[in-house]
Amino acid sequence: MHAGVEQSVITDADRALIGVETLSGYHLIEAGAVRRFCRAVGLEDAYYVDLEAAHAAGYPERPVPPTFWCAIQATGSELPRPHLGGFGTRTVNGGTDFEYLKPAYVGQTVACTARILSLTERTVRAGHAVVSVIEHTWRDMSGDVLTRARLTGIRL
């Protein structure tokens, strides 16, 4: 515990959210959204945006770029956010790890769920912090996992 913090700012109600998976939210991967994402992040590989180029590269359809997942969170899969007793005024991105298990393609509908993996308190240079790790899992309609992302947030 950080000096000056008498008790945990992570409440029992916050801890009860750990490990609870949300309902699935669904997202149709649209060609226009992939095109805009590629333009925004500077991806110039034609197979992401051109069907003929995708076929020539051996893909059945235009593949989803690896970090496209951070641009979508399917409505309905939103996490109830911990309240942390009103602690902190800002959140810093502590990093995102992706695990790619199966390709996804334009035109697919994917299901997204989320869950809090952990909530911890620690002392950092800026003072007391709450570190959360949230996992998003995207599945195809047969239930196969396409991608997992683990997002670390640092609340100061």
Protein backbone atom coordinates (compact mmCIF):
# COMPACT_ATOMS: atom_id res chain seq x y z
CA MET A 1 0.00 0.00 0.00
CA HIS A 2 1.28 3.49 -0.81
CA ALA A 3 2.03 5.79 2.11
CA GLY A 4 -1.00 7.96 2.67
CA VAL A 5 -3.43 5.37 1.25
CA GLU A 6 -5.09 3.80 4.27
CA GLN A 7 -7.15 1.19 2.51
CA SER A 8 -7.49 -0.32 -0.90
CA VAL A 9 -9.32 1.74 -3.49
CA ILE A 10 -10.33 -1.53 -5.16
CA THR A 11 -13.64 -2.43 -3.55
CA ASP A 12 -15.15 -5.88 -3.11
CA ALA A 13 -17.62 -4.94 -5.86
CA ASP A 14 -14.70 -4.10 -8.17
CA ARG A 15 -12.98 -7.40 -7.33
CA ALA A 16 -16.22 -9.25 -8.09
CA LEU A 17 -15.88 -8.10 -11.72
CA ILE A 18 -12.57 -9.96 -12.16
CA GLY A 19 -12.95 -12.95 -14.46
CA VAL A 20 -16.59 -12.28 -15.38
CA GLU A 21 -17.01 -12.48 -19.16
CA THR A 22 -19.41 -10.10 -20.84
CA LEU A 23 -22.15 -11.13 -23.19
CA SER A 24 -21.06 -11.27 -26.82
CA GLY A 25 -21.31 -8.18 -28.95
CA TYR A 26 -21.33 -8.66 -32.72
CA HIS A 27 -19.48 -6.74 -35.39
CA LEU A 28 -19.59 -7.04 -39.18
CA ILE A 29 -16.12 -6.41 -40.60
CA GLU A 30 -16.83 -3.97 -43.40
CA ALA A 31 -14.51 -3.24 -46.33
CA GLY A 32 -14.85 0.53 -45.84
CA ALA A 33 -13.84 0.32 -42.19
CA VAL A 34 -10.77 -1.75 -43.07
CA ARG A 35 -9.87 0.71 -45.86
CA ARG A 36 -10.17 3.71 -43.50
CA PHE A 37 -8.11 1.91 -40.85
CA CYS A 38 -5.36 1.08 -43.35
CA ARG A 39 -5.27 4.69 -44.52
CA ALA A 40 -5.18 5.99 -40.93
CA VAL A 41 -2.24 3.80 -39.87
CA GLY A 42 -0.35 3.94 -43.16
CA LEU A 43 -0.79 0.30 -44.26
CA GLU A 44 -0.17 0.16 -48.00
CA ASP A 45 -0.48 -3.59 -48.64
CA ALA A 46 -3.04 -3.86 -51.45
CA TYR A 47 -4.43 -7.21 -50.28
CA TYR A 48 -6.11 -5.49 -47.30
CA VAL A 49 -8.23 -3.27 -49.54
CA ASP A 50 -8.32 -4.87 -53.01
CA LEU A 51 -10.09 -8.21 -53.51
CA GLU A 52 -8.07 -9.12 -56.63
CA ALA A 53 -4.82 -8.42 -54.79
CA ALA A 54 -6.05 -10.56 -51.87
CA HIS A 55 -6.82 -13.46 -54.24
CA ALA A 56 -3.44 -13.05 -55.97
CA ALA A 57 -1.77 -13.27 -52.53
CA GLY A 58 -3.64 -16.53 -51.79
CA TYR A 59 -6.35 -15.16 -49.50
CA PRO A 60 -10.02 -16.12 -49.97
CA GLU A 61 -11.03 -12.50 -49.13
CA ARG A 62 -9.35 -9.32 -47.91
CA PRO A 63 -7.73 -10.15 -44.55
CA VAL A 64 -8.18 -8.03 -41.46
CA PRO A 65 -4.98 -6.12 -40.61
CA PRO A 66 -3.37 -7.29 -37.36
CA THR A 67 -4.11 -4.23 -35.20
CA PHE A 68 -7.56 -3.56 -36.69
CA TRP A 69 -8.95 -5.18 -33.53
CA CYS A 70 -8.05 -2.14 -31.46
CA ALA A 71 -10.32 -0.06 -33.70
CA ILE A 72 -13.44 -2.08 -32.91
CA GLN A 73 -15.23 -3.12 -29.79
CA ALA A 74 -18.50 -4.73 -30.59
CA THR A 75 -21.54 -3.05 -29.04
CA GLY A 76 -22.92 -5.28 -26.34
CA SER A 77 -19.53 -6.49 -25.13
CA GLU A 78 -18.81 -3.41 -23.03
CA LEU A 79 -17.40 -4.14 -19.61
CA PRO A 80 -18.95 -2.78 -16.47
CA ARG A 81 -16.10 -0.54 -15.34
CA PRO A 82 -14.79 -0.71 -11.79
CA HIS A 83 -15.62 2.42 -9.81
CA LEU A 84 -12.42 2.32 -7.71
CA GLY A 85 -13.99 4.55 -5.12
CA GLY A 86 -13.50 7.61 -7.30
CA PHE A 87 -9.73 7.07 -7.29
CA GLY A 88 -7.60 8.77 -9.92
CA THR A 89 -8.09 11.46 -12.51
CA ARG A 90 -6.37 9.95 -15.56
CA THR A 91 -5.65 6.61 -17.19
CA VAL A 92 -2.46 5.78 -19.05
CA ASN A 93 -2.17 3.00 -21.64
CA GLY A 94 0.28 0.46 -20.23
CA GLY A 95 0.39 -1.59 -23.43
CA THR A 96 -1.62 -4.02 -25.50
CA ASP A 97 -0.64 -7.60 -26.37
CA PHE A 98 -2.32 -9.39 -29.27
CA GLU A 99 -2.53 -13.13 -29.82
CA TYR A 100 -3.54 -14.08 -33.37
CA LEU A 101 -5.00 -17.58 -33.63
CA LYS A 102 -6.98 -17.62 -36.88
CA PRO A 103 -7.29 -15.12 -39.76
CA ALA A 104 -10.36 -12.94 -40.11
CA TYR A 105 -11.68 -11.46 -43.34
CA VAL A 106 -13.80 -8.63 -44.66
CA GLY A 107 -17.46 -9.66 -44.67
CA GLN A 108 -17.24 -11.83 -41.56
CA THR A 109 -19.35 -11.21 -38.51
CA VAL A 110 -17.33 -11.64 -35.34
CA ALA A 111 -18.38 -11.91 -31.71
CA CYS A 112 -16.45 -10.01 -29.04
CA THR A 113 -16.40 -10.63 -25.30
CA ALA A 114 -14.35 -8.93 -22.61
CA ARG A 115 -13.30 -9.66 -19.07
CA ILE A 116 -11.11 -8.10 -16.43
CA LEU A 117 -8.16 -10.40 -15.77
CA SER A 118 -6.70 -8.46 -12.86
CA LEU A 119 -6.88 -5.31 -10.74
CA THR A 120 -3.83 -4.48 -8.64
CA GLU A 121 -2.50 -1.52 -6.73
CA ARG A 122 1.09 -0.36 -6.77
CA THR A 123 3.32 2.59 -6.23
CA VAL A 124 4.77 4.17 -9.38
CA ARG A 125 6.88 7.29 -9.86
CA ALA A 126 3.71 9.37 -10.17
CA GLY A 127 2.33 7.99 -6.89
CA HIS A 128 -0.36 5.42 -6.14
CA ALA A 129 -1.82 3.58 -9.15
CA VAL A 130 -4.39 0.93 -9.97
CA VAL A 131 -3.32 -1.38 -12.78
CA SER A 132 -6.03 -3.23 -14.70
CA VAL A 133 -5.60 -5.91 -17.33
CA ILE A 134 -8.60 -6.43 -19.62
CA GLU A 135 -8.87 -9.19 -22.20
CA HIS A 136 -11.00 -8.93 -25.35
CA THR A 137 -11.65 -12.13 -27.29
CA TRP A 138 -13.00 -12.14 -30.85
CA ARG A 139 -14.58 -15.33 -32.23
CA ASP A 140 -15.98 -16.30 -35.59
CA MET A 141 -19.55 -17.53 -35.87
CA SER A 142 -18.46 -21.14 -35.37
CA GLY A 143 -17.01 -20.13 -31.99
CA ASP A 144 -13.33 -20.41 -32.96
CA VAL A 145 -11.11 -17.78 -31.34
CA LEU A 146 -9.63 -15.44 -33.93
CA THR A 147 -7.75 -12.96 -31.75
CA ARG A 148 -7.21 -12.09 -28.11
CA ALA A 149 -6.03 -8.70 -26.89
CA ARG A 150 -4.85 -7.95 -23.38
CA LEU A 151 -4.95 -4.24 -22.54
CA THR A 152 -3.13 -2.85 -19.54
CA GLY A 153 -4.47 0.38 -18.06
CA ILE A 154 -2.81 2.40 -15.31
CA ARG A 155 -5.15 4.64 -13.31
CA LEU A 156 -3.43 7.54 -11.55
